[in-house]
Amino acid sequence: MFSDYLKDISWERTTEAIYSKTDADVRRALAAEHCTVDDFMALISPAAAPYLETMARLSRRYTEERFGRTISLFIPLYLTNSCTNSCVYCGFHISNPMKRTILTPEEIENEYRAIKRLGPFENLLLVTGENPALAGVDYIARALDLAKPYFSNLKIEIMPLKAEEYERLTHHGLNGVICFQETYNRARYNVYHPRGMKSRFEWRVDGFDRMGQAGVHSIGLGVLIGLEEWRTDVTMMARHLRYLQKHYWRTKYSVNFPRMRPAENEGFQPNVIMSDRELAQATFAMRIFDHDVDISYSTREPAAIRDHMATLGVTTMSAESKTDPGGYYSHPQALEQFHVSDERTAVEVERALKRLGREPVWKDWDASFDMMAPQHPAQP
């Protein structure tokens, strides 16, 4: 499990190593045919700041070699804001006085229909708070079943599950799982996650192993920029990516490093601010480090930044996102988890990408692919 591997990696020494990188280290990393984690550390270090244009050119080249000029579009649907965790930065935390909503099957299907009216979305991400008693595996399985007639590629961003639970959901149409570790700083993790299942660092970080063991087709990693030193957190995520690729090599991977926005309770202010140039640097460094990884930007980021980065390394974007449960049809005025920055419609995002010479892709998975996979016994 990755938590065992992580015990031998010092957060403090990793931070020191990043900030000790020199101009020569950066030039060596830029010239490397295959980057190591040490090379990645050089590319995200302050020493690499003068090389941003060189990194951008390399990032664009590697992206177009692997992905062409396509940008995959997806849309998230929040099924519930009910949560038993106490994450200090999140609008859904259990102590926040707010109306809690859990969409019914009828409401879920209404949301699916409403989403299809926004654009020809085929990539759907189902999102929940962490409340296994009221919105657990059975609930998610039902939501996936209802989604299959409408969408060809189904992913979830929910509480970490057991391996057998992930496997069960694959029989209900699940193609991918996204999970944000939030921060890899074990010593500080419980400062931000003091209570609830999410307070268990090892359970969360080892969830990615369980996804791989279950044969999940696509796994998405993420750190929340604003909690701890971003360079160290992104380096830990790069280590995690390499570990997963080695152990679960049939799986496709994506990464995300969203910058924190104010939560609805407005009680938590980010500890770390990542500038636009630093976001670009992290994106370029990740693409140079791994030419094949999918890099995703959400609507947390402003339209101008998303458009610019769509030509330089980003390969997946959300569009016309609502971060409140039932926000597309059932409960359009519900409390959001966070405010979006890019408020353009899906059609407007599509037009902007085409003007930039990108090709928006609404669909990148087909149910017919499943017919070529080994057949498994039906699950309850």
Protein backbone atom coordinates (compact mmCIF):
# COMPACT_ATOMS: atom_id res chain seq x y z
CA MET A 1 0.00 0.00 0.00
CA PHE A 2 1.15 3.53 -0.73
CA SER A 3 0.91 4.55 2.93
CA ASP A 4 3.71 2.07 3.70
CA TYR A 5 5.83 3.56 0.91
CA LEU A 6 5.08 7.08 2.14
CA LYS A 7 6.43 6.37 5.63
CA ASP A 8 9.95 6.45 4.21
CA ILE A 9 9.43 9.82 2.48
CA SER A 10 10.09 12.89 4.63
CA TRP A 11 7.90 15.92 3.94
CA GLU A 12 10.53 18.28 5.36
CA ARG A 13 13.44 16.79 3.41
CA THR A 14 11.38 16.81 0.22
CA THR A 15 10.65 20.51 0.71
CA GLU A 16 14.33 21.23 1.34
CA ALA A 17 15.32 19.27 -1.77
CA ILE A 18 12.91 21.23 -3.96
CA TYR A 19 14.16 24.60 -2.76
CA SER A 20 17.79 23.54 -3.13
CA LYS A 21 17.45 22.84 -6.87
CA THR A 22 19.76 24.87 -9.10
CA ASP A 23 19.74 26.21 -12.63
CA ALA A 24 21.83 23.22 -13.69
CA ASP A 25 19.26 20.83 -12.19
CA VAL A 26 16.49 22.48 -14.19
CA ARG A 27 18.44 22.35 -17.46
CA ARG A 28 19.23 18.70 -16.86
CA ALA A 29 15.53 17.93 -16.25
CA LEU A 30 14.51 19.76 -19.42
CA ALA A 31 16.98 17.70 -21.44
CA ALA A 32 15.97 14.35 -19.92
CA GLU A 33 14.23 11.86 -22.19
CA HIS A 34 12.42 10.31 -19.22
CA CYS A 35 11.99 12.46 -16.12
CA THR A 36 12.43 11.11 -12.61
CA VAL A 37 10.69 12.49 -9.54
CA ASP A 38 13.93 14.33 -8.80
CA ASP A 39 13.69 15.97 -12.22
CA PHE A 40 10.07 16.91 -11.48
CA MET A 41 11.19 18.58 -8.26
CA ALA A 42 13.61 20.71 -10.26
CA LEU A 43 10.87 21.71 -12.72
CA ILE A 44 8.53 22.94 -9.99
CA SER A 45 11.29 24.60 -7.96
CA PRO A 46 11.82 28.38 -7.85
CA ALA A 47 14.95 27.78 -9.94
CA ALA A 48 12.73 26.82 -12.90
CA ALA A 49 10.83 30.13 -12.99
CA PRO A 50 13.08 31.64 -15.71
CA TYR A 51 12.40 28.61 -17.92
CA LEU A 52 8.62 28.92 -18.03
CA GLU A 53 8.47 29.61 -21.77
CA THR A 54 10.75 26.66 -22.53
CA MET A 55 8.58 24.45 -20.32
CA ALA A 56 5.43 25.70 -22.06
CA ARG A 57 6.82 24.75 -25.48
CA LEU A 58 7.78 21.28 -24.28
CA SER A 59 4.42 20.82 -22.58
CA ARG A 60 2.54 21.77 -25.74
CA ARG A 61 4.68 19.45 -27.84
CA TYR A 62 4.24 16.44 -25.58
CA THR A 63 0.51 17.09 -25.19
CA GLU A 64 -0.11 17.27 -28.94
CA GLU A 65 2.01 14.17 -29.52
CA ARG A 66 -0.16 12.13 -27.13
CA PHE A 67 -3.57 13.81 -27.25
CA GLY A 68 -3.57 15.77 -30.50
CA ARG A 69 -5.51 19.00 -30.05
CA THR A 70 -8.47 17.45 -28.27
CA ILE A 71 -10.01 18.64 -25.02
CA SER A 72 -12.35 16.23 -23.27
CA LEU A 73 -15.38 17.89 -21.69
CA PHE A 74 -17.23 16.55 -18.66
CA ILE A 75 -19.85 17.77 -16.22
CA PRO A 76 -20.20 17.07 -12.48
CA LEU A 77 -23.49 16.30 -10.77
CA TYR A 78 -23.64 16.69 -7.00
CA LEU A 79 -26.09 14.10 -5.68
CA THR A 80 -26.02 15.19 -2.04
CA ASN A 81 -24.46 17.75 0.29
CA SER A 82 -25.04 15.49 3.29
CA CYS A 83 -21.70 14.76 4.96
CA THR A 84 -20.42 13.36 8.24
CA ASN A 85 -16.95 14.92 7.97
CA SER A 86 -15.63 18.13 9.52
CA CYS A 87 -13.24 19.37 6.84
CA VAL A 88 -12.52 22.92 7.96
CA TYR A 89 -12.32 24.33 4.42
CA CYS A 90 -15.50 22.78 2.98
CA GLY A 91 -18.98 24.28 2.75
CA PHE A 92 -20.51 20.83 3.26
CA HIS A 93 -18.86 20.14 6.64
CA ILE A 94 -21.14 18.65 9.26
CA SER A 95 -21.16 21.70 11.55
CA ASN A 96 -22.22 24.13 8.85
CA PRO A 97 -25.91 25.02 9.41
CA MET A 98 -27.52 24.39 6.06
CA LYS A 99 -30.30 22.43 4.45
CA ARG A 100 -29.09 18.96 3.50
CA THR A 101 -30.29 17.46 0.24
CA ILE A 102 -30.12 13.89 -1.01
CA LEU A 103 -31.55 13.58 -4.50
CA THR A 104 -34.23 10.96 -5.01
CA PRO A 105 -34.08 8.61 -8.02
CA GLU A 106 -36.69 10.74 -9.78
CA GLU A 107 -34.70 13.92 -9.09
CA ILE A 108 -31.48 12.26 -10.27
CA GLU A 109 -33.06 11.36 -13.59
CA ASN A 110 -34.42 14.89 -13.95
CA GLU A 111 -30.86 16.17 -13.49
CA TYR A 112 -29.59 13.81 -16.20
CA ARG A 113 -32.20 15.11 -18.64
CA ALA A 114 -31.39 18.71 -17.75
CA ILE A 115 -27.66 18.11 -18.32
CA LYS A 116 -28.30 16.62 -21.76
CA ARG A 117 -30.14 19.81 -22.69
CA LEU A 118 -27.01 21.86 -21.91
CA GLY A 119 -24.85 20.03 -24.45
CA PRO A 120 -24.08 16.57 -25.81
CA PHE A 121 -22.26 15.52 -22.63
CA GLU A 122 -21.28 11.86 -22.44
CA ASN A 123 -18.75 12.20 -19.59
CA LEU A 124 -20.52 12.48 -16.23
CA LEU A 125 -18.94 12.81 -12.77
CA LEU A 126 -21.18 11.92 -9.82
CA VAL A 127 -20.18 13.71 -6.61
CA THR A 128 -21.37 13.24 -3.03
CA GLY A 129 -20.49 14.25 0.48
CA GLU A 130 -19.44 11.43 2.79
CA ASN A 131 -22.53 9.92 4.36
CA PRO A 132 -22.42 6.13 3.87
CA ALA A 133 -25.60 5.52 5.88
CA LEU A 134 -27.78 7.68 3.62
CA ALA A 135 -25.80 7.81 0.37
CA GLY A 136 -23.66 4.70 0.36
CA VAL A 137 -22.75 2.09 -2.21
CA ASP A 138 -26.35 1.02 -2.88
CA TYR A 139 -27.32 4.64 -3.55
CA ILE A 140 -24.38 5.18 -5.91
CA ALA A 141 -25.10 1.93 -7.74
CA ARG A 142 -28.67 3.08 -8.33
CA ALA A 143 -27.49 6.47 -9.60
CA LEU A 144 -25.09 4.75 -12.02
CA ASP A 145 -27.84 2.46 -13.28
CA LEU A 146 -30.07 5.46 -13.94
CA ALA A 147 -27.23 7.25 -15.75
CA LYS A 148 -26.37 4.49 -18.22
CA PRO A 149 -29.14 5.34 -20.74
CA TYR A 150 -27.94 8.96 -20.82
CA PHE A 151 -24.12 8.86 -20.59
CA SER A 152 -21.40 6.56 -21.91
CA ASN A 153 -18.61 7.42 -19.46
CA LEU A 154 -19.40 7.43 -15.74
CA LYS A 155 -17.05 8.50 -12.96
CA ILE A 156 -17.53 9.11 -9.25
CA GLU A 157 -15.99 11.41 -6.67
CA ILE A 158 -17.24 10.07 -3.38
CA MET A 159 -15.97 8.63 -0.09
CA PRO A 160 -13.18 6.02 -0.36
CA LEU A 161 -14.56 2.49 -0.61
CA LYS A 162 -13.39 -1.07 -0.10
CA ALA A 163 -11.89 -2.81 -3.14
CA GLU A 164 -14.88 -5.12 -3.44
CA GLU A 165 -17.23 -2.12 -3.38
CA TYR A 166 -15.36 -0.43 -6.21
CA GLU A 167 -15.49 -3.69 -8.14
CA ARG A 168 -19.21 -3.98 -7.55
CA LEU A 169 -19.78 -0.49 -8.96
CA THR A 170 -17.86 -1.38 -12.12
CA HIS A 171 -20.70 -3.82 -12.84
CA HIS A 172 -23.10 -0.88 -12.65
CA GLY A 173 -21.28 1.08 -15.34
CA LEU A 174 -18.53 2.75 -13.32
CA ASN A 175 -15.53 3.64 -15.48
CA GLY A 176 -13.48 5.96 -13.29
CA VAL A 177 -12.90 7.27 -9.77
CA ILE A 178 -11.54 10.67 -8.74
CA CYS A 179 -10.31 11.22 -5.20
CA PHE A 180 -8.50 14.24 -3.77
CA GLN A 181 -5.99 13.39 -1.09
CA GLU A 182 -6.20 17.14 -0.34
CA THR A 183 -2.72 17.10 1.23
CA TYR A 184 -0.01 14.44 1.62
CA ASN A 185 1.37 16.14 4.74
CA ARG A 186 0.60 13.40 7.26
CA ALA A 187 1.60 15.51 10.25
CA ARG A 188 -0.85 18.28 9.32
CA TYR A 189 -3.60 16.24 7.71
CA ASN A 190 -5.84 16.10 10.79
CA VAL A 191 -5.64 19.87 11.25
CA TYR A 192 -7.92 20.08 8.21
CA HIS A 193 -9.81 16.81 8.75
CA PRO A 194 -10.34 16.55 12.52
CA ARG A 195 -13.35 14.20 12.60
CA GLY A 196 -15.22 11.72 10.45
CA MET A 197 -13.99 8.98 8.14
CA LYS A 198 -11.93 11.47 6.19
CA SER A 199 -9.74 12.01 9.26
CA ARG A 200 -8.18 8.56 8.63
CA PHE A 201 -5.16 9.47 6.51
CA GLU A 202 -4.11 5.91 5.66
CA TRP A 203 -7.63 4.84 4.68
CA ARG A 204 -7.86 7.73 2.24
CA VAL A 205 -4.40 7.53 0.68
CA ASP A 206 -4.65 3.75 0.29
CA GLY A 207 -7.99 4.10 -1.44
CA PHE A 208 -6.15 4.45 -4.73
CA ASP A 209 -4.59 1.01 -4.23
CA ARG A 210 -8.07 -0.38 -3.66
CA MET A 211 -9.27 1.22 -6.90
CA GLY A 212 -6.39 -0.41 -8.75
CA GLN A 213 -7.06 -3.77 -7.12
CA ALA A 214 -10.70 -3.51 -8.23
CA GLY A 215 -9.66 -2.94 -11.85
CA VAL A 216 -11.11 0.57 -12.14
CA HIS A 217 -10.36 1.79 -15.67
CA SER A 218 -9.48 5.40 -14.78
CA ILE A 219 -8.10 6.84 -11.53
CA GLY A 220 -7.86 10.56 -10.82
CA LEU A 221 -5.53 12.03 -8.19
CA GLY A 222 -5.62 15.52 -6.76
CA VAL A 223 -4.24 17.86 -4.13
CA LEU A 224 -6.03 20.95 -2.90
CA ILE A 225 -3.77 23.94 -3.39
CA GLY A 226 -4.08 26.21 -0.38
CA LEU A 227 -3.56 23.85 2.53
CA GLU A 228 0.18 23.16 2.58
CA GLU A 229 3.34 23.99 0.58
CA TRP A 230 2.09 23.33 -2.94
CA ARG A 231 5.43 22.29 -4.40
CA THR A 232 5.81 19.53 -1.83
CA ASP A 233 2.23 18.33 -2.18
CA VAL A 234 2.45 18.16 -5.97
CA THR A 235 5.75 16.26 -5.68
CA MET A 236 4.09 13.74 -3.37
CA MET A 237 1.32 13.34 -5.93
CA ALA A 238 3.94 12.73 -8.63
CA ARG A 239 5.46 10.01 -6.44
CA HIS A 240 2.00 8.53 -5.92
CA LEU A 241 1.36 8.56 -9.67
CA ARG A 242 4.58 6.66 -10.38
CA TYR A 243 3.77 4.14 -7.64
CA LEU A 244 0.29 3.48 -9.04
CA GLN A 245 1.56 3.19 -12.61
CA LYS A 246 4.04 0.57 -11.50
CA HIS A 247 1.52 -1.51 -9.55
CA TYR A 248 -1.63 -1.02 -11.66
CA TRP A 249 -0.23 -0.49 -15.13
CA ARG A 250 -3.44 -1.25 -17.01
CA THR A 251 -5.14 1.77 -15.46
CA LYS A 252 -5.41 5.25 -17.00
CA TYR A 253 -4.50 8.18 -14.72
CA SER A 254 -5.40 11.84 -14.39
CA VAL A 255 -4.22 14.62 -12.08
CA ASN A 256 -5.78 17.81 -10.81
CA PHE A 257 -4.44 20.61 -8.62
CA PRO A 258 -7.34 23.02 -8.01
CA ARG A 259 -6.64 26.25 -6.21
CA MET A 260 -8.76 26.72 -3.14
CA ARG A 261 -11.68 29.09 -3.26
CA PRO A 262 -13.61 30.38 -0.24
CA ALA A 263 -16.02 27.86 1.28
CA GLU A 264 -19.59 28.89 1.96
CA ASN A 265 -18.97 29.27 5.69
CA GLU A 266 -16.04 31.63 4.88
CA GLY A 267 -14.29 30.59 8.07
CA PHE A 268 -11.15 29.20 6.47
CA GLN A 269 -8.61 31.18 4.51
CA PRO A 270 -6.02 29.40 2.34
CA ASN A 271 -2.60 29.03 3.96
CA VAL A 272 -0.85 29.05 0.58
CA ILE A 273 -1.57 31.12 -2.50
CA MET A 274 -0.51 29.77 -5.88
CA SER A 275 -0.12 32.45 -8.54
CA ASP A 276 -1.25 32.00 -12.14
CA ARG A 277 2.37 31.58 -13.23
CA GLU A 278 2.93 28.93 -10.58
CA LEU A 279 -0.19 27.06 -11.69
CA ALA A 280 1.18 27.10 -15.22
CA GLN A 281 4.58 25.92 -13.95
CA ALA A 282 2.99 22.98 -12.10
CA THR A 283 0.99 22.06 -15.20
CA PHE A 284 3.99 22.19 -17.53
CA ALA A 285 6.14 20.26 -15.06
CA MET A 286 3.54 17.51 -14.78
CA ARG A 287 3.25 17.19 -18.55
CA ILE A 288 7.04 17.04 -19.01
CA PHE A 289 7.22 14.49 -16.17
CA ASP A 290 4.47 12.30 -17.64
CA HIS A 291 3.51 12.73 -21.30
CA ASP A 292 0.47 10.45 -21.03
CA VAL A 293 -1.28 11.59 -17.86
CA ASP A 294 -4.59 13.40 -18.29
CA ILE A 295 -4.41 16.91 -16.77
CA SER A 296 -7.75 18.35 -15.73
CA TYR A 297 -8.89 21.90 -14.92
CA SER A 298 -12.26 22.53 -13.30
CA THR A 299 -14.47 25.62 -13.40
CA ARG A 300 -12.74 26.77 -10.21
CA GLU A 301 -10.26 28.41 -12.59
CA PRO A 302 -11.17 31.57 -14.55
CA ALA A 303 -12.13 31.30 -18.20
CA ALA A 304 -9.03 33.11 -19.48
CA ILE A 305 -6.66 30.74 -17.67
CA ARG A 306 -8.55 27.65 -18.80
CA ASP A 307 -8.53 28.83 -22.41
CA HIS A 308 -4.82 29.61 -22.33
CA MET A 309 -3.83 26.34 -20.70
CA ALA A 310 -6.01 24.36 -23.10
CA THR A 311 -3.33 25.02 -25.72
CA LEU A 312 -0.37 24.20 -23.46
CA GLY A 313 -1.02 21.02 -21.48
CA VAL A 314 -4.55 20.64 -20.14
CA THR A 315 -6.52 17.80 -21.72
CA THR A 316 -9.79 17.67 -19.75
CA MET A 317 -12.18 20.38 -18.54
CA SER A 318 -15.51 20.59 -16.82
CA ALA A 319 -18.09 22.93 -18.30
CA GLU A 320 -21.21 24.71 -16.99
CA SER A 321 -20.68 23.11 -13.57
CA LYS A 322 -23.08 23.41 -10.66
CA THR A 323 -21.58 22.57 -7.27
CA ASP A 324 -24.89 22.32 -5.43
CA PRO A 325 -26.94 19.11 -5.31
CA GLY A 326 -29.63 19.16 -7.95
CA GLY A 327 -28.33 22.45 -9.31
CA TYR A 328 -29.29 21.79 -12.93
CA TYR A 329 -33.00 21.17 -12.36
CA SER A 330 -34.27 20.08 -8.94
CA HIS A 331 -32.73 22.55 -6.48
CA PRO A 332 -31.11 25.41 -8.42
CA GLN A 333 -30.80 27.60 -5.32
CA ALA A 334 -29.14 25.08 -3.00
CA LEU A 335 -25.93 25.96 -1.14
CA GLU A 336 -22.82 25.36 -3.24
CA GLN A 337 -19.71 23.54 -2.05
CA PHE A 338 -17.60 26.28 -3.68
CA HIS A 339 -18.15 29.09 -6.16
CA VAL A 340 -17.12 28.52 -9.75
CA SER A 341 -15.04 31.09 -11.63
CA ASP A 342 -15.78 30.07 -15.22
CA GLU A 343 -19.52 30.64 -15.52
CA ARG A 344 -19.74 30.18 -19.30
CA THR A 345 -22.27 27.78 -20.75
CA ALA A 346 -21.07 24.50 -22.20
CA VAL A 347 -21.74 25.82 -25.69
CA GLU A 348 -19.68 28.94 -24.99
CA VAL A 349 -16.78 26.81 -23.73
CA GLU A 350 -17.00 24.67 -26.85
CA ARG A 351 -16.92 27.73 -29.13
CA ALA A 352 -13.97 29.24 -27.27
CA LEU A 353 -11.96 26.03 -27.58
CA LYS A 354 -12.66 25.80 -31.29
CA ARG A 355 -11.48 29.40 -31.77
CA LEU A 356 -8.21 28.34 -30.12
CA GLY A 357 -7.77 25.51 -32.59
CA ARG A 358 -8.75 22.86 -30.05
CA GLU A 359 -11.24 20.07 -30.76
CA PRO A 360 -13.77 19.63 -27.92
CA VAL A 361 -14.62 15.97 -27.31
CA TRP A 362 -17.85 15.19 -25.53
CA LYS A 363 -17.33 11.43 -25.49
CA ASP A 364 -14.20 9.36 -24.88
CA TRP A 365 -15.62 6.05 -23.69
CA ASP A 366 -18.23 3.77 -25.16
CA ALA A 367 -20.25 1.01 -23.56
CA SER A 368 -19.30 -1.22 -26.48
CA PHE A 369 -15.74 -1.27 -25.13
CA ASP A 370 -17.08 -3.18 -22.14
CA MET A 371 -18.11 -6.02 -24.45
CA MET A 372 -14.44 -6.67 -25.13
CA ALA A 373 -13.59 -6.91 -21.42
CA PRO A 374 -13.78 -10.18 -19.47
CA GLN A 375 -17.31 -10.88 -18.32
CA HIS A 376 -17.98 -11.06 -14.58
CA PRO A 377 -20.86 -12.52 -12.61
CA ALA A 378 -23.67 -10.08 -11.98
CA GLN A 379 -23.44 -8.24 -8.69
CA PRO A 380 -26.33 -7.38 -6.42
